[in-house]
Structures are given as C-alpha cells and as structure tokens.
Protein backbone atom coordinates (compact mmCIF):
# COMPACT_ATOMS: atom_id res chain seq x y z
CA MET A 1 0.00 0.11 0.04
CA PHE A 2 2.75 2.42 0.90
CA GLN A 3 5.65 1.13 -1.40
CA GLY A 4 8.15 1.51 1.25
CA ILE A 5 9.52 0.33 4.43
CA CYS A 6 7.00 0.46 7.21
CA PHE A 7 7.68 0.73 10.91
CA MET A 8 5.21 -0.70 13.61
CA VAL A 9 5.07 0.21 17.03
CA ASN A 10 2.79 -2.05 19.45
CA GLY A 11 1.55 -3.83 16.30
CA LYS A 12 0.27 -0.75 14.53
CA MET A 13 1.79 0.99 11.62
CA CYS A 14 3.59 4.39 12.75
CA VAL A 15 5.72 5.71 10.05
CA CYS A 16 6.92 4.55 6.50
CA VAL A 17 9.83 5.65 4.49
CA ARG A 18 9.40 5.84 0.79
CA LYS A 19 11.98 7.10 -1.66
CA ASP A 20 13.07 10.38 0.15
CA GLU A 21 9.69 11.02 1.88
CA MET A 22 8.46 9.77 5.27
CA MET A 23 4.69 9.01 5.85
CA CYS A 24 3.58 9.68 9.36
CA ARG A 25 0.39 8.44 10.87
CA ILE A 26 -0.39 11.41 13.25
CA GLY A 27 -4.24 11.00 13.47
CA PRO A 28 -6.91 13.43 12.63
CA ASP A 29 -6.41 15.81 15.64
CA LYS A 30 -3.27 17.02 14.32
CA TYR A 31 -3.94 16.82 10.74
CA LYS A 32 -4.74 20.43 9.86
CA GLU A 33 -1.98 21.99 12.01
CA ALA A 34 0.41 19.22 10.36
CA LEU A 35 -0.43 20.45 6.79
CA GLU A 36 0.68 24.01 7.73
CA LYS A 37 4.06 22.65 8.36
CA ASN A 38 6.90 23.16 5.82
CA GLY A 39 7.33 20.24 3.71
CA CYS A 40 4.21 18.38 4.76
CA ARG A 41 1.52 17.44 2.23
CA PRO A 42 -1.58 15.12 2.60
CA MET A 43 -1.59 11.63 1.82
CA VAL A 44 -3.80 10.59 -1.10
CA HIS A 45 -4.58 7.06 -1.72
CA ARG A 46 -6.67 5.80 -4.70
CA GLY A 47 -7.96 9.38 -5.11
CA LYS A 48 -9.04 9.78 -1.43
CA THR A 49 -7.15 11.89 0.96
CA MET A 50 -6.39 9.88 4.22
CA VAL A 51 -6.98 12.23 6.94
CA GLY A 52 -4.51 11.52 9.68
CA PHE A 53 -1.67 10.50 7.43
CA VAL A 54 0.87 12.94 6.04
CA PHE A 55 4.03 12.83 3.74
CA ILE A 56 7.03 14.66 4.89
CA SER A 57 9.65 15.87 2.25
CA PRO A 58 13.23 16.07 2.98
CA GLU A 59 12.56 19.91 3.25
CA GLY A 60 10.20 19.17 6.35
CA MET A 61 12.78 17.29 8.21
CA ARG A 62 15.89 19.09 7.71
CA THR A 63 16.81 19.46 11.32
CA LYS A 64 16.78 16.85 14.14
CA ALA A 65 14.01 19.10 15.79
CA ASP A 66 11.93 18.84 12.86
CA PHE A 67 12.42 14.90 12.53
CA ASP A 68 11.81 14.52 16.27
CA TYR A 69 8.53 16.55 15.98
CA TRP A 70 7.24 14.20 13.31
CA MET A 71 8.30 11.11 15.29
CA LYS A 72 6.71 12.52 18.36
CA CYS A 73 3.38 13.32 16.45
CA SER A 74 3.34 9.50 15.18
CA LEU A 75 4.44 8.01 18.43
CA ASP A 76 1.75 10.00 20.37
CA PHE A 77 -0.93 8.99 18.01
CA ASN A 78 0.27 5.31 18.17
CA LYS A 79 -0.76 5.16 21.75
CA ILE A 80 -4.30 5.73 20.89
CA ALA A 81 -4.60 4.29 17.42
CA ARG A 82 -6.44 1.06 16.65
CA ALA A 83 -4.44 -1.74 15.29
CA SER A 84 -5.95 -3.45 12.33
CA ASN A 85 -7.69 -6.65 12.71
CA LYS A 86 -5.87 -9.88 12.19
CA LYS A 87 -7.69 -10.83 9.20
CA ASP A 88 -6.67 -7.47 7.38
CA ARG A 89 -3.01 -8.10 8.49
CA GLN A 90 -3.21 -11.63 6.88
CA THR A 91 -4.90 -10.18 3.66
CA ILE A 92 -2.08 -7.55 3.51
CA LYS A 93 0.64 -9.99 3.88
CA ALA A 94 -0.84 -12.38 1.37
CA LYS A 95 -0.79 -9.54 -1.15
CA GLN A 96 2.88 -8.73 -0.46
CA ASN A 97 3.92 -12.32 -0.84
CA GLU A 98 1.99 -12.50 -4.38
CA LYS A 99 4.05 -9.35 -5.52
CA SER A 100 7.51 -10.84 -4.29
CA ASN A 101 6.92 -14.13 -6.31
C-alpha cells in the first residue's frame, strides 16, 4: 500500500519511508496543524485523502528538531490508534507475498 519500509509500534503502523519521503500516521486531531508545516502534504490513496496521514519531504525534516517533531506526533497517536484486525493483516501479507513471487 505504501511502497516503502513501514515501521510498526505495538502492532500498529507508525511511520513509513518511501524514496526520500516519510509518511507519518499522526491522527485526525493534528492533521490540519501538520499541513501548515513546511514540507508536509496530505496522503492521497486511490484518489481519497487519508485524513490523519501525511507525507513529509526532506525539506520538512531538515533538522533533528523537525524529525523529532514528526516522530513524536506519530508515536503520540500510536498510543491511541487502533491496530488493524488480524484478518486485515493476513490479507495484506498475502498480497505482499504475491508481489514478491
């Protein structure tokens, strides 16, 4: 789905790295505020804007403080985020295996 390396925390997707961007799962409460930050853009998947998910360009994480901000947002939301159910995870894993074969 994200075409990159995904990092899970407590069994939940937290951040993904794709090419030179980082996708952060920050939740709907911080979404509007995040989009005002330099180098941040909404995540659009199959034509639908995914509220609560943002892409951060290298420009948006130039400094350690910038990077730490995005990681903190992602980890804070991870504490309250729901994990996908086991069936969803099995379906995703099966699709990934199909692609690699």
